[in-house]
Amino acid sequence: MVNSPTYNPNNLKTISMELIRNKAITDMFEPGSTVKPMVIMKALQKKIITPKSIIDTTPFIVHHHIIQDVSYNKKLSITEILKKSSNTGVSKLALLMPAFELTDIYSRFGLGKSTNLGLIGETNGIYPKKKYWSTLDKVTFSFGYGLMVTPLQLANVYTIIGRYGLNKPLSIIKTNKKTKEIQIFSKSLVKVVLNMLESVTKPGGVGTKAAIKGYKVAAKTGTAKKVDSNGKYINKYVSYIVGVAPISNPQFSLIVMINNPKAGGYYGGTISAPVFSSIMNFVLKITNVRPDDLLTH
């Protein structure tokens, strides 16, 4: 866990709490498009769709709100819904299942719960406890609005995806203790979605700048408007990307979150993805993880 800008612990009297705070476990933001793979897993499990299904992704109106994508597409495959980060595509899947199944699947992946890592200051995020869900609530929840998560929680979601659906406790120290493990989805189903996520980093995807030469990378970008102390959206953004590498034999998950970027853009695929690529490439090289392009020769 790395925070930047950081501080010198020898000068604690002269620095602000803002710098001391471990933002990976304390700061909350709406996860946005990074939750879409979970919705797709549930839809596949319920046999609402198959990996080869084609979905109508034309814009539609819900309670006077238009649901549309950044780029217009009349129809998309399930893989393309992730590749293009289609809000309309994932919304239409969510509308085919009851709200409690959406909240249950996010919860199974650890959202709204402490990771129990044991670090001081960790927050659980904000998770909805509604008895009644409007159609608009379900739609926006399916693409990551209406809940708040920490960077660590989101990194854990993709760690579980990298373990092919196996959820087990996190630890910051090596331990040989037996821990409770829960298989929250079948391995084969999670592998299908993990392979779909590679399309995000391939040409035409929203996260091409996260690609790493020689390795297959699964990732999902996100961009969310910040919320002020009164719970209202303001014109500032959180830019992030989270992913797993290498797909052939997942070893590492990584999240990069940039708070209020000021370098001429704010989309996760533009701002955070290059940082993700640089860090993950370095980690794969120093740990001698064999490149995917060598495995095929």
Protein backbone atom coordinates (compact mmCIF):
# COMPACT_ATOMS: atom_id res chain seq x y z
CA MET A 1 0.00 0.00 0.00
CA VAL A 2 1.48 3.24 -1.17
CA ASN A 3 0.23 6.79 -0.69
CA SER A 4 1.58 9.82 -2.53
CA PRO A 5 2.34 12.53 -1.58
CA THR A 6 3.80 10.98 1.54
CA TYR A 7 5.46 12.33 4.69
CA ASN A 8 8.56 12.08 6.84
CA PRO A 9 7.65 10.45 10.19
CA ASN A 10 10.46 12.45 11.83
CA ASN A 11 8.48 15.65 11.23
CA LEU A 12 5.04 14.66 12.52
CA LYS A 13 4.51 18.01 14.29
CA THR A 14 4.68 19.97 11.06
CA ILE A 15 2.59 17.82 8.70
CA SER A 16 -1.14 17.59 8.19
CA MET A 17 -3.36 14.60 8.96
CA GLU A 18 -4.23 14.57 5.25
CA LEU A 19 -0.74 13.25 4.50
CA ILE A 20 -0.63 10.79 7.41
CA ARG A 21 -3.93 9.13 6.49
CA ASN A 22 -3.62 5.73 4.77
CA LYS A 23 -6.00 6.48 1.92
CA ALA A 24 -6.06 2.87 0.73
CA ILE A 25 -8.17 1.93 3.76
CA THR A 26 -9.80 5.20 4.84
CA ASP A 27 -10.92 6.99 1.67
CA MET A 28 -14.21 6.03 0.02
CA PHE A 29 -15.47 6.49 -3.52
CA GLU A 30 -18.15 5.06 -5.80
CA PRO A 31 -16.67 2.06 -7.64
CA GLY A 32 -18.33 2.87 -10.95
CA SER A 33 -17.69 0.51 -13.84
CA THR A 34 -15.35 -1.75 -11.87
CA VAL A 35 -18.39 -3.66 -10.51
CA LYS A 36 -19.67 -4.65 -13.96
CA PRO A 37 -17.84 -8.02 -14.04
CA MET A 38 -19.73 -9.07 -10.90
CA VAL A 39 -23.10 -8.30 -12.51
CA ILE A 40 -22.10 -10.31 -15.57
CA MET A 41 -21.01 -13.26 -13.40
CA LYS A 42 -24.41 -13.28 -11.72
CA ALA A 43 -26.23 -13.09 -15.05
CA LEU A 44 -24.17 -16.01 -16.36
CA GLN A 45 -24.78 -18.02 -13.20
CA LYS A 46 -28.54 -17.44 -13.46
CA LYS A 47 -28.39 -18.38 -17.17
CA ILE A 48 -29.93 -15.03 -18.10
CA ILE A 49 -27.15 -14.89 -20.68
CA THR A 50 -24.42 -17.08 -22.16
CA PRO A 51 -20.88 -15.88 -23.00
CA LYS A 52 -22.04 -15.59 -26.63
CA SER A 53 -25.18 -13.52 -25.95
CA ILE A 54 -25.73 -10.24 -27.80
CA ILE A 55 -27.40 -7.40 -25.85
CA ASP A 56 -29.35 -4.39 -27.12
CA THR A 57 -27.32 -1.41 -25.90
CA THR A 58 -29.33 1.47 -27.33
CA PRO A 59 -30.04 4.28 -24.83
CA PHE A 60 -33.24 4.05 -22.78
CA ILE A 61 -35.07 6.20 -20.25
CA VAL A 62 -35.72 5.30 -16.62
CA HIS A 63 -37.72 7.70 -14.41
CA HIS A 64 -36.94 10.65 -16.71
CA HIS A 65 -33.20 9.80 -16.71
CA ILE A 66 -31.51 8.72 -19.93
CA ILE A 67 -29.20 5.71 -19.59
CA GLN A 68 -26.56 5.84 -22.31
CA ASP A 69 -22.93 5.09 -23.03
CA VAL A 70 -20.03 7.37 -23.90
CA SER A 71 -20.05 5.92 -27.42
CA TYR A 72 -23.21 4.72 -29.14
CA ASN A 73 -23.51 1.02 -29.97
CA LYS A 74 -26.76 -0.60 -31.05
CA LYS A 75 -25.73 -4.07 -29.90
CA LEU A 76 -22.77 -5.51 -28.00
CA SER A 77 -21.58 -8.96 -26.98
CA ILE A 78 -20.98 -9.66 -23.29
CA THR A 79 -17.23 -9.24 -23.79
CA GLU A 80 -17.83 -5.96 -25.63
CA ILE A 81 -19.98 -4.67 -22.75
CA LEU A 82 -16.84 -4.89 -20.58
CA LYS A 83 -14.50 -3.75 -23.35
CA LYS A 84 -16.55 -0.61 -24.07
CA SER A 85 -17.74 -0.28 -20.45
CA SER A 86 -21.38 -0.18 -21.50
CA ASN A 87 -23.76 1.18 -18.87
CA THR A 88 -26.80 0.32 -20.98
CA GLY A 89 -25.64 -3.26 -21.47
CA VAL A 90 -25.04 -4.02 -17.81
CA SER A 91 -28.22 -2.14 -16.80
CA LYS A 92 -30.37 -4.38 -18.96
CA LEU A 93 -28.86 -7.44 -17.31
CA ALA A 94 -29.49 -5.99 -13.85
CA LEU A 95 -33.14 -5.33 -14.68
CA LEU A 96 -33.59 -9.06 -15.28
CA MET A 97 -32.75 -9.93 -11.66
CA PRO A 98 -34.12 -8.82 -8.29
CA ALA A 99 -32.25 -6.11 -6.39
CA PHE A 100 -31.33 -8.43 -3.50
CA GLU A 101 -29.26 -10.55 -5.89
CA LEU A 102 -27.21 -7.52 -6.91
CA THR A 103 -26.59 -6.49 -3.31
CA ASP A 104 -25.80 -10.09 -2.37
CA ILE A 105 -23.19 -10.54 -5.09
CA TYR A 106 -21.33 -7.34 -4.20
CA SER A 107 -21.45 -8.34 -0.55
CA ARG A 108 -20.01 -11.78 -1.31
CA PHE A 109 -17.02 -10.05 -2.86
CA GLY A 110 -16.54 -8.11 0.38
CA LEU A 111 -18.04 -4.72 -0.41
CA GLY A 112 -19.61 -3.03 2.59
CA LYS A 113 -17.50 -5.14 4.97
CA SER A 114 -14.20 -4.74 6.75
CA THR A 115 -11.31 -6.66 5.22
CA ASN A 116 -10.18 -7.38 8.82
CA LEU A 117 -6.63 -6.54 7.84
CA GLY A 118 -6.05 -5.16 11.34
CA LEU A 119 -4.89 -1.70 10.32
CA ILE A 120 -6.08 1.34 12.29
CA GLY A 121 -8.58 3.59 10.56
CA GLU A 122 -10.07 1.15 8.07
CA THR A 123 -13.60 2.00 6.99
CA ASN A 124 -16.23 -0.40 5.66
CA GLY A 125 -17.46 1.95 2.97
CA ILE A 126 -21.15 2.77 2.60
CA TYR A 127 -23.55 0.04 1.54
CA PRO A 128 -27.27 0.53 0.86
CA LYS A 129 -29.85 -1.05 3.15
CA LYS A 130 -33.01 -0.30 1.24
CA LYS A 131 -36.23 -2.24 1.51
CA TYR A 132 -37.57 -0.78 -1.72
CA TRP A 133 -35.48 -0.41 -4.84
CA SER A 134 -36.71 1.69 -7.73
CA THR A 135 -35.82 0.74 -11.28
CA LEU A 136 -33.40 3.67 -11.39
CA ASP A 137 -31.74 2.47 -8.15
CA LYS A 138 -31.11 -0.94 -9.69
CA VAL A 139 -29.81 0.49 -12.94
CA THR A 140 -27.31 2.89 -11.36
CA PHE A 141 -26.24 0.29 -8.78
CA SER A 142 -25.30 -2.08 -11.62
CA PHE A 143 -22.67 0.34 -12.85
CA GLY A 144 -21.31 1.26 -9.46
CA TYR A 145 -23.32 4.19 -8.10
CA GLY A 146 -25.19 4.23 -4.79
CA LEU A 147 -22.42 2.62 -2.74
CA MET A 148 -18.97 3.65 -1.53
CA VAL A 149 -15.88 1.44 -1.30
CA THR A 150 -12.24 1.77 -0.27
CA PRO A 151 -9.34 1.09 -2.66
CA LEU A 152 -8.42 -1.97 -0.59
CA GLN A 153 -11.94 -3.43 -0.86
CA LEU A 154 -11.85 -3.03 -4.63
CA ALA A 155 -8.38 -4.55 -4.87
CA ASN A 156 -9.76 -7.49 -2.87
CA VAL A 157 -12.63 -7.95 -5.35
CA TYR A 158 -10.12 -8.42 -8.16
CA THR A 159 -7.92 -10.61 -5.98
CA ILE A 160 -10.92 -12.94 -5.63
CA ILE A 161 -11.44 -12.82 -9.40
CA GLY A 162 -7.75 -13.67 -9.85
CA ARG A 163 -8.25 -16.67 -7.52
CA TYR A 164 -11.10 -17.81 -9.80
CA GLY A 165 -13.81 -16.94 -7.27
CA LEU A 166 -12.08 -18.08 -4.08
CA ASN A 167 -12.58 -15.64 -1.21
CA LYS A 168 -10.20 -15.90 1.73
CA PRO A 169 -8.97 -13.43 4.36
CA LEU A 170 -6.33 -10.86 3.46
CA SER A 171 -3.11 -10.53 5.45
CA ILE A 172 -0.20 -8.09 5.39
CA ILE A 173 2.14 -10.71 6.87
CA LYS A 174 2.90 -14.20 5.64
CA THR A 175 0.93 -16.76 7.60
CA ASN A 176 0.64 -20.54 7.60
CA LYS A 177 -2.60 -20.51 9.55
CA LYS A 178 -5.54 -22.27 7.97
CA THR A 179 -8.17 -19.74 7.03
CA LYS A 180 -11.81 -19.98 6.06
CA GLU A 181 -12.14 -20.07 2.29
CA ILE A 182 -15.38 -19.61 0.36
CA GLN A 183 -15.83 -20.40 -3.33
CA ILE A 184 -18.36 -17.72 -4.23
CA PHE A 185 -18.63 -18.64 -7.93
CA SER A 186 -17.55 -21.68 -9.91
CA LYS A 187 -13.95 -21.51 -11.14
CA SER A 188 -14.97 -22.07 -14.74
CA LEU A 189 -17.46 -19.18 -14.67
CA VAL A 190 -14.97 -16.73 -13.15
CA LYS A 191 -12.30 -17.77 -15.68
CA VAL A 192 -14.70 -16.92 -18.50
CA VAL A 193 -15.21 -13.38 -17.16
CA LEU A 194 -11.50 -12.97 -16.34
CA ASN A 195 -10.68 -13.74 -19.97
CA MET A 196 -13.35 -11.28 -21.11
CA LEU A 197 -11.62 -8.57 -19.05
CA GLU A 198 -8.51 -8.88 -21.21
CA SER A 199 -10.48 -7.11 -23.96
CA VAL A 200 -10.42 -3.92 -21.85
CA THR A 201 -6.64 -3.62 -22.34
CA LYS A 202 -6.69 -4.61 -26.02
CA PRO A 203 -7.13 -2.22 -28.98
CA GLY A 204 -10.59 -0.66 -28.88
CA GLY A 205 -10.96 -1.16 -25.12
CA VAL A 206 -11.25 1.60 -22.53
CA GLY A 207 -8.03 0.56 -20.76
CA THR A 208 -5.50 0.05 -23.54
CA LYS A 209 -2.89 2.10 -21.68
CA ALA A 210 -2.85 -0.59 -18.97
CA ALA A 211 -1.50 -3.18 -21.43
CA ILE A 212 1.91 -4.72 -20.76
CA LYS A 213 4.04 -6.08 -23.59
CA GLY A 214 4.32 -9.86 -23.40
CA TYR A 215 1.64 -10.32 -20.74
CA LYS A 216 -2.12 -10.80 -20.82
CA VAL A 217 -3.71 -8.27 -18.46
CA ALA A 218 -7.30 -8.19 -17.17
CA ALA A 219 -8.45 -4.78 -15.95
CA LYS A 220 -11.39 -2.45 -15.51
CA THR A 221 -11.27 1.31 -15.44
CA GLY A 222 -13.50 3.63 -13.46
CA THR A 223 -14.21 7.33 -13.11
CA ALA A 224 -16.45 8.79 -10.42
CA LYS A 225 -17.50 12.28 -9.42
CA LYS A 226 -16.45 13.22 -5.92
CA VAL A 227 -19.01 13.75 -3.18
CA ASP A 228 -18.74 16.63 -0.71
CA SER A 229 -19.42 16.51 3.05
CA ASN A 230 -23.12 17.15 2.36
CA GLY A 231 -23.40 14.12 0.10
CA LYS A 232 -23.66 16.17 -3.09
CA TYR A 233 -21.66 15.63 -6.26
CA ILE A 234 -19.03 18.26 -7.05
CA ASN A 235 -17.06 18.95 -10.20
CA LYS A 236 -14.03 16.92 -9.14
CA TYR A 237 -13.21 13.33 -9.98
CA VAL A 238 -11.61 10.12 -8.76
CA SER A 239 -9.81 8.23 -11.52
CA TYR A 240 -8.95 4.57 -11.01
CA ILE A 241 -8.15 1.24 -12.59
CA VAL A 242 -8.00 -2.21 -11.01
CA GLY A 243 -6.83 -5.45 -12.53
CA VAL A 244 -5.03 -8.78 -12.47
CA ALA A 245 -1.96 -10.17 -14.24
CA PRO A 246 -1.04 -12.39 -15.90
CA ILE A 247 -4.35 -13.91 -16.99
CA SER A 248 -2.76 -17.26 -17.81
CA ASN A 249 -1.68 -17.74 -14.17
CA PRO A 250 -2.84 -14.80 -12.01
CA GLN A 251 -0.19 -13.67 -9.54
CA PHE A 252 -0.96 -10.05 -8.66
CA SER A 253 -3.89 -7.69 -8.36
CA LEU A 254 -3.39 -3.94 -8.36
CA ILE A 255 -5.49 -0.82 -7.98
CA VAL A 256 -4.32 2.66 -8.89
CA MET A 257 -6.52 5.50 -7.66
CA ILE A 258 -5.79 9.13 -8.47
CA ASN A 259 -7.76 11.63 -6.43
CA ASN A 260 -8.79 14.78 -8.30
CA PRO A 261 -6.39 14.47 -11.26
CA LYS A 262 -5.21 17.76 -12.75
CA ALA A 263 -3.09 16.64 -15.70
CA GLY A 264 -5.55 17.43 -18.47
CA GLY A 265 -8.05 14.59 -18.07
CA TYR A 266 -9.88 12.52 -15.52
CA TYR A 267 -10.92 9.19 -17.08
CA GLY A 268 -9.40 6.11 -15.47
CA GLY A 269 -8.31 4.75 -18.85
CA THR A 270 -6.38 7.95 -19.55
CA ILE A 271 -4.97 8.93 -16.16
CA SER A 272 -4.60 5.79 -14.04
CA ALA A 273 -4.01 3.10 -16.67
CA PRO A 274 -0.43 4.16 -17.60
CA VAL A 275 0.54 4.10 -13.90
CA PHE A 276 -1.02 0.64 -13.56
CA SER A 277 0.98 -0.62 -16.56
CA SER A 278 4.24 0.78 -15.22
CA ILE A 279 3.84 -0.67 -11.70
CA MET A 280 2.51 -4.07 -12.78
CA ASN A 281 5.20 -4.43 -15.45
CA PHE A 282 7.89 -3.73 -12.82
CA VAL A 283 6.38 -6.24 -10.36
CA LEU A 284 6.09 -8.99 -12.97
CA LYS A 285 9.70 -8.49 -14.05
CA ILE A 286 11.29 -8.41 -10.58
CA THR A 287 9.36 -11.51 -9.50
CA ASN A 288 10.39 -13.34 -12.69
CA VAL A 289 6.85 -14.12 -13.83
CA ARG A 290 7.15 -15.75 -17.23
CA PRO A 291 5.63 -13.69 -20.05
CA ASP A 292 2.53 -15.12 -21.71
CA ASP A 293 4.02 -14.82 -25.18
CA LEU A 294 6.74 -17.30 -24.14
CA LEU A 295 4.19 -19.82 -22.90
CA THR A 296 2.80 -20.29 -26.41
CA HIS A 297 6.17 -21.19 -27.97
